[in-house]
């Protein structure tokens, strides 16, 4: 596994124009991606594509990684001073960044919930990639952070039937809280107009193809790292004329790029987090000082759950 890079003091010295210093309050672990990075499973061909915006070090490691950070601006432009902000910064107590990399957190969104902004943004982009229609039957395969965020947004659409699918029966409680149906993979309803896959497993993607109706679409949000995935393309994919496409948050969905920037998309995700419903996705918390052990437990499956939040206790 990659070693951890020590935090360097990036906040010393006079600030340049357009820079800000942020004191982190909370960050969150992106379970799937950070676990693959932790195990050094980023394919060589994806070293550039999978760099986090403020990553230190190079793959396979050691690297400082992460991109779900909420803090308060200690120094910088007057309009941001004292503001609660979200950024794509790794797990670190204090840091200096260009102020344009900071997204103000709206009033009514607590810092504890705002760490979900990046995950909700991913879900929002997926719905821009494949917008649901009134009357659609929709399956979401994989009830992790991303899948549950997709289900939470879909639950807001009128006249849409949504089923959240996972191998863990305990996720039925999360589905109920989100206001959607739940099923184990073998009992999931088929004939779906739209299937969002977020389990990051080959079995989940194969089941997604089985659940799609003729001419239906499967949208894959999973990143598999260096794992190989095989699909039975001679079965339902071919005979039902299915569409399979990827959705990735690194770029705004093509049909929205003419009107929305990545900053617009993040701002909308933060605004959606006014809803306390999203609190059900926070299933654990630990202190920043415990992060090396916590990350090892998450990456090896010894600490299950959805979003794990990291707390930064004041000095």
Protein backbone atom coordinates (compact mmCIF):
# COMPACT_ATOMS: atom_id res chain seq x y z
CA UNK A 1 0.00 0.00 0.00
CA UNK A 2 1.24 3.58 -0.63
CA UNK A 3 2.74 5.37 2.34
CA UNK A 4 1.25 8.63 3.61
CA UNK A 5 2.95 11.89 2.78
CA UNK A 6 3.57 14.18 5.75
CA UNK A 7 1.56 17.39 5.77
CA UNK A 8 3.74 20.33 4.83
CA UNK A 9 3.01 23.82 6.19
CA UNK A 10 1.60 25.55 3.07
CA UNK A 11 0.14 28.57 4.85
CA UNK A 12 3.29 30.44 5.88
CA UNK A 13 4.26 33.69 4.21
CA UNK A 14 2.31 36.52 2.64
CA UNK A 15 -0.75 35.60 0.61
CA UNK A 16 -0.71 36.30 -3.10
CA UNK A 17 -3.56 37.97 -4.95
CA UNK A 18 -6.58 35.69 -5.08
CA UNK A 19 -5.26 33.22 -2.48
CA UNK A 20 -6.99 32.08 0.69
CA UNK A 21 -6.09 30.11 3.81
CA UNK A 22 -8.64 27.57 4.99
CA UNK A 23 -8.93 25.82 8.35
CA UNK A 24 -10.48 22.40 7.73
CA UNK A 25 -13.49 21.46 9.83
CA UNK A 26 -14.47 18.17 8.17
CA UNK A 27 -13.40 16.02 5.27
CA UNK A 28 -14.83 12.76 4.01
CA UNK A 29 -13.42 9.56 2.56
CA UNK A 30 -14.50 8.68 -0.96
CA UNK A 31 -14.59 4.96 -0.21
CA UNK A 32 -14.27 3.46 -3.68
CA UNK A 33 -11.68 5.74 -5.23
CA UNK A 34 -9.58 6.31 -2.13
CA UNK A 35 -9.48 2.58 -1.37
CA UNK A 36 -8.15 1.85 -4.86
CA UNK A 37 -5.55 4.60 -4.45
CA UNK A 38 -4.65 3.25 -0.99
CA UNK A 39 -3.96 -0.18 -2.49
CA UNK A 40 -1.97 1.29 -5.41
CA UNK A 41 -4.48 0.06 -7.99
CA UNK A 42 -4.60 3.07 -10.31
CA UNK A 43 -3.76 1.85 -13.86
CA UNK A 44 -0.63 3.43 -15.30
CA UNK A 45 -2.66 4.74 -18.23
CA UNK A 46 -4.86 6.69 -15.79
CA UNK A 47 -2.17 8.32 -13.67
CA UNK A 48 -2.85 11.75 -15.19
CA UNK A 49 -6.65 11.40 -15.38
CA UNK A 50 -7.01 10.27 -11.77
CA UNK A 51 -4.86 12.95 -10.14
CA UNK A 52 -6.85 14.79 -7.49
CA UNK A 53 -6.85 18.60 -8.04
CA UNK A 54 -4.46 19.22 -5.12
CA UNK A 55 -2.75 15.86 -4.93
CA UNK A 56 0.83 15.73 -3.69
CA UNK A 57 3.10 12.95 -4.86
CA UNK A 58 2.69 10.66 -7.85
CA UNK A 59 0.96 7.33 -8.34
CA UNK A 60 1.34 4.64 -7.28
CA UNK A 61 2.57 6.38 -4.12
CA UNK A 62 3.24 7.83 -1.71
CA UNK A 63 0.49 10.35 -2.40
CA UNK A 64 -1.65 12.80 -0.47
CA UNK A 65 -5.12 12.19 -1.87
CA UNK A 66 -8.71 13.21 -1.25
CA UNK A 67 -11.25 15.73 -2.53
CA UNK A 68 -14.10 16.19 -0.04
CA UNK A 69 -13.12 19.05 2.27
CA UNK A 70 -15.15 21.62 4.21
CA UNK A 71 -13.50 24.41 6.15
CA UNK A 72 -13.62 28.06 7.12
CA UNK A 73 -11.62 30.81 5.42
CA UNK A 74 -9.12 32.30 7.88
CA UNK A 75 -7.40 34.71 5.52
CA UNK A 76 -8.00 35.87 1.98
CA UNK A 77 -10.43 37.95 -0.07
CA UNK A 78 -12.89 39.99 2.00
CA UNK A 79 -15.92 38.32 0.41
CA UNK A 80 -14.74 34.90 1.62
CA UNK A 81 -13.27 35.81 5.00
CA UNK A 82 -14.99 33.77 7.70
CA UNK A 83 -17.11 31.89 5.16
CA UNK A 84 -17.74 28.16 5.22
CA UNK A 85 -16.37 26.68 1.98
CA UNK A 86 -16.17 23.35 0.17
CA UNK A 87 -13.09 22.41 -1.84
CA UNK A 88 -11.48 19.47 -3.58
CA UNK A 89 -8.55 19.48 -1.16
CA UNK A 90 -7.07 16.34 0.46
CA UNK A 91 -7.33 15.52 4.17
CA UNK A 92 -5.27 18.28 5.80
CA UNK A 93 -5.75 20.61 8.78
CA UNK A 94 -4.95 23.95 7.08
CA UNK A 95 -4.08 24.85 3.52
CA UNK A 96 -3.61 27.69 1.06
CA UNK A 97 -5.33 27.62 -2.33
CA UNK A 98 -6.50 29.98 -5.06
CA UNK A 99 -9.79 31.45 -3.89
CA UNK A 100 -11.41 30.33 -7.14
CA UNK A 101 -11.03 26.74 -5.93
CA UNK A 102 -13.40 27.41 -3.02
CA UNK A 103 -17.18 27.03 -3.25
CA UNK A 104 -19.13 28.93 -0.55
CA UNK A 105 -21.48 26.68 1.38
CA UNK A 106 -25.04 28.09 1.34
CA UNK A 107 -26.83 29.15 4.49
CA UNK A 108 -28.79 26.24 5.90
CA UNK A 109 -26.19 23.62 4.91
CA UNK A 110 -24.16 22.56 7.96
CA UNK A 111 -20.47 21.80 7.55
CA UNK A 112 -21.11 18.24 8.72
CA UNK A 113 -23.37 17.61 5.71
CA UNK A 114 -21.51 19.73 3.17
CA UNK A 115 -18.78 17.06 2.88
CA UNK A 116 -21.26 15.18 0.67
CA UNK A 117 -21.11 17.90 -2.01
CA UNK A 118 -18.67 16.05 -4.26
CA UNK A 119 -20.70 12.85 -4.13
CA UNK A 120 -24.01 14.61 -4.79
CA UNK A 121 -22.32 16.45 -7.67
CA UNK A 122 -21.34 13.06 -9.15
CA UNK A 123 -24.94 11.88 -8.87
CA UNK A 124 -26.25 15.11 -10.39
CA UNK A 125 -23.91 14.75 -13.36
CA UNK A 126 -25.17 11.20 -13.93
CA UNK A 127 -28.75 12.46 -14.08
CA UNK A 128 -27.63 15.10 -16.57
CA UNK A 129 -26.00 12.35 -18.63
CA UNK A 130 -29.20 10.28 -18.68
CA UNK A 131 -32.21 12.36 -17.57
CA UNK A 132 -35.16 10.34 -16.23
CA UNK A 133 -38.60 10.78 -17.78
CA UNK A 134 -41.98 10.80 -16.11
CA UNK A 135 -43.23 7.23 -15.89
CA UNK A 136 -39.77 5.64 -16.05
CA UNK A 137 -38.94 2.53 -14.08
CA UNK A 138 -35.42 3.04 -12.78
CA UNK A 139 -32.97 0.77 -10.96
CA UNK A 140 -29.92 1.94 -9.03
CA UNK A 141 -27.51 -0.98 -8.61
CA UNK A 142 -25.12 -0.47 -5.71
CA UNK A 143 -26.17 1.30 -2.52
CA UNK A 144 -22.87 2.98 -1.70
CA UNK A 145 -22.30 6.72 -1.35
CA UNK A 146 -22.80 7.42 -5.05
CA UNK A 147 -25.69 5.01 -5.60
CA UNK A 148 -27.58 6.33 -2.59
CA UNK A 149 -27.02 9.91 -3.75
CA UNK A 150 -28.43 9.02 -7.17
CA UNK A 151 -31.45 7.39 -5.51
CA UNK A 152 -31.96 10.44 -3.27
CA UNK A 153 -32.13 12.73 -6.30
CA UNK A 154 -34.35 10.36 -8.28
CA UNK A 155 -36.81 10.20 -5.39
CA UNK A 156 -37.60 13.87 -6.12
CA UNK A 157 -38.83 13.15 -9.66
CA UNK A 158 -42.63 12.85 -10.12
CA UNK A 159 -44.10 9.68 -11.55
CA UNK A 160 -40.84 7.74 -11.43
CA UNK A 161 -40.45 4.32 -9.83
CA UNK A 162 -37.03 3.84 -8.22
CA UNK A 163 -35.54 0.65 -6.78
CA UNK A 164 -32.21 0.67 -4.93
CA UNK A 165 -30.43 -2.68 -5.28
CA UNK A 166 -27.64 -4.04 -3.09
CA UNK A 167 -26.34 -7.33 -1.72
CA UNK A 168 -26.40 -5.92 1.83
CA UNK A 169 -29.93 -6.23 3.26
CA UNK A 170 -29.13 -3.53 5.82
CA UNK A 171 -29.25 -0.95 3.01
CA UNK A 172 -33.03 -1.45 2.96
CA UNK A 173 -33.23 0.99 5.89
CA UNK A 174 -31.34 3.61 3.91
CA UNK A 175 -33.63 3.09 0.91
CA UNK A 176 -36.68 3.53 3.13
CA UNK A 177 -35.27 6.77 4.55
CA UNK A 178 -34.63 8.04 1.01
CA UNK A 179 -38.17 7.17 -0.06
CA UNK A 180 -37.33 4.50 -2.65
CA UNK A 181 -37.89 0.74 -2.89
CA UNK A 182 -35.16 -1.78 -2.08
CA UNK A 183 -34.31 -5.25 -3.39
CA UNK A 184 -31.51 -7.79 -3.31
CA UNK A 185 -30.03 -8.34 -6.81
CA UNK A 186 -31.77 -11.68 -7.34
CA UNK A 187 -35.19 -10.17 -6.49
CA UNK A 188 -34.88 -6.87 -8.33
CA UNK A 189 -37.62 -5.86 -10.77
CA UNK A 190 -36.56 -6.02 -14.41
CA UNK A 191 -37.88 -4.23 -17.52
CA UNK A 192 -36.27 -0.95 -16.41
CA UNK A 193 -36.11 2.03 -18.74
CA UNK A 194 -32.95 3.28 -17.06
CA UNK A 195 -30.35 1.59 -14.85
CA UNK A 196 -27.65 3.43 -12.93
CA UNK A 197 -24.79 1.16 -11.91
CA UNK A 198 -22.62 2.15 -8.94
CA UNK A 199 -21.50 -1.08 -7.28
CA UNK A 200 -17.98 -1.05 -8.80
CA UNK A 201 -18.27 -4.82 -9.40
CA UNK A 202 -18.49 -6.85 -12.56
CA UNK A 203 -21.42 -8.80 -11.10
CA UNK A 204 -23.31 -5.55 -10.52
CA UNK A 205 -22.75 -4.35 -14.07
CA UNK A 206 -23.83 -7.70 -15.51
CA UNK A 207 -26.99 -7.60 -13.38
CA UNK A 208 -27.64 -4.04 -14.59
CA UNK A 209 -27.69 -5.26 -18.20
CA UNK A 210 -30.16 -7.98 -17.23
CA UNK A 211 -32.51 -5.47 -15.60
CA UNK A 212 -32.76 -3.12 -18.57
CA UNK A 213 -35.83 -3.23 -20.82
CA UNK A 214 -35.50 -3.47 -24.61
CA UNK A 215 -33.87 -0.27 -25.93
CA UNK A 216 -33.08 0.65 -22.31
CA UNK A 217 -29.96 2.44 -21.06
CA UNK A 218 -27.36 1.46 -18.47
CA UNK A 219 -25.25 4.28 -17.04
CA UNK A 220 -22.09 3.12 -15.29
CA UNK A 221 -20.74 5.44 -12.56
CA UNK A 222 -18.24 2.91 -11.23
CA UNK A 223 -14.47 3.15 -11.44
CA UNK A 224 -12.78 -0.26 -11.39
CA UNK A 225 -9.13 0.75 -11.16
CA UNK A 226 -6.94 -2.02 -12.55
CA UNK A 227 -9.63 -4.70 -12.24
CA UNK A 228 -10.77 -6.39 -15.46
CA UNK A 229 -14.54 -6.61 -16.02
CA UNK A 230 -16.09 -9.11 -18.42
CA UNK A 231 -19.62 -8.77 -19.78
CA UNK A 232 -21.93 -11.26 -21.55
CA UNK A 233 -22.47 -9.04 -24.58
CA UNK A 234 -24.00 -11.93 -26.51
CA UNK A 235 -26.96 -12.02 -24.14
CA UNK A 236 -29.33 -9.18 -23.14
CA UNK A 237 -27.02 -6.40 -24.29
CA UNK A 238 -27.25 -7.57 -27.89
CA UNK A 239 -30.78 -8.97 -28.15
CA UNK A 240 -32.42 -6.01 -26.38
CA UNK A 241 -30.39 -3.35 -28.22
CA UNK A 242 -29.23 -1.83 -24.93
CA UNK A 243 -27.10 1.27 -24.51
CA UNK A 244 -24.17 1.28 -22.10
CA UNK A 245 -22.42 4.53 -21.28
CA UNK A 246 -20.10 5.88 -18.63
CA UNK A 247 -20.72 8.90 -16.44
CA UNK A 248 -17.73 10.61 -14.85
CA UNK A 249 -17.71 13.79 -12.80
CA UNK A 250 -14.44 15.07 -14.28
CA UNK A 251 -16.43 16.80 -17.05
CA UNK A 252 -19.90 18.33 -17.16
CA UNK A 253 -22.39 16.16 -19.05
CA UNK A 254 -22.18 17.04 -22.77
CA UNK A 255 -25.77 18.26 -23.10
CA UNK A 256 -25.23 20.76 -20.25
CA UNK A 257 -21.77 22.11 -21.11
CA UNK A 258 -23.14 24.97 -23.17
CA UNK A 259 -25.04 26.40 -20.20
CA UNK A 260 -23.42 25.08 -17.03
CA UNK A 261 -19.85 25.11 -15.76
CA UNK A 262 -18.37 22.72 -13.22
CA UNK A 263 -18.72 25.53 -10.65
CA UNK A 264 -22.45 25.81 -11.47
CA UNK A 265 -22.84 22.08 -10.99
CA UNK A 266 -21.06 22.10 -7.63
CA UNK A 267 -23.11 25.09 -6.50
CA UNK A 268 -26.32 23.23 -7.32
CA UNK A 269 -25.10 20.13 -5.46
CA UNK A 270 -24.40 22.27 -2.37
CA UNK A 271 -27.84 23.86 -2.63
CA UNK A 272 -29.48 20.43 -2.78
CA UNK A 273 -27.77 19.60 0.51
CA UNK A 274 -30.13 21.95 2.35
CA UNK A 275 -32.30 18.83 2.65
CA UNK A 276 -31.52 17.02 5.95
CA UNK A 277 -32.54 13.79 4.22
CA UNK A 278 -28.91 13.45 3.09
CA UNK A 279 -27.77 13.02 6.71
CA UNK A 280 -28.68 9.33 6.43
CA UNK A 281 -25.64 8.90 4.17
CA UNK A 282 -23.23 9.81 7.00
CA UNK A 283 -22.59 6.54 8.79
CA UNK A 284 -19.35 7.12 10.67
CA UNK A 285 -16.95 9.72 12.00
CA UNK A 286 -13.45 9.73 13.44
CA UNK A 287 -10.78 12.26 14.31
CA UNK A 288 -8.13 13.40 11.83
CA UNK A 289 -5.38 11.99 14.06
CA UNK A 290 -6.93 8.54 13.55
CA UNK A 291 -6.99 8.82 9.74
CA UNK A 292 -4.13 6.37 8.94
CA UNK A 293 -5.84 3.60 10.89
CA UNK A 294 -9.32 4.61 9.70
CA UNK A 295 -8.26 4.59 6.05
CA UNK A 296 -6.68 1.16 6.41
CA UNK A 297 -9.89 -0.20 7.96
CA UNK A 298 -12.05 1.31 5.22
CA UNK A 299 -9.80 0.11 2.40
CA UNK A 300 -9.73 -3.46 3.73
CA UNK A 301 -13.46 -3.60 4.44
CA UNK A 302 -13.11 -3.77 8.23
CA UNK A 303 -15.04 -0.51 8.62
CA UNK A 304 -18.14 -0.74 6.39
CA UNK A 305 -20.71 1.98 5.84
CA UNK A 306 -21.49 4.85 3.51
CA UNK A 307 -19.84 8.24 3.97
CA UNK A 308 -17.17 8.27 6.67
CA UNK A 309 -16.52 11.76 7.95
CA UNK A 310 -13.20 12.99 9.33
CA UNK A 311 -13.40 15.51 12.19
CA UNK A 312 -10.72 18.14 12.70
CA UNK A 313 -10.66 19.04 16.40
CA UNK A 314 -9.49 22.58 17.18
CA UNK A 315 -5.94 22.96 18.50
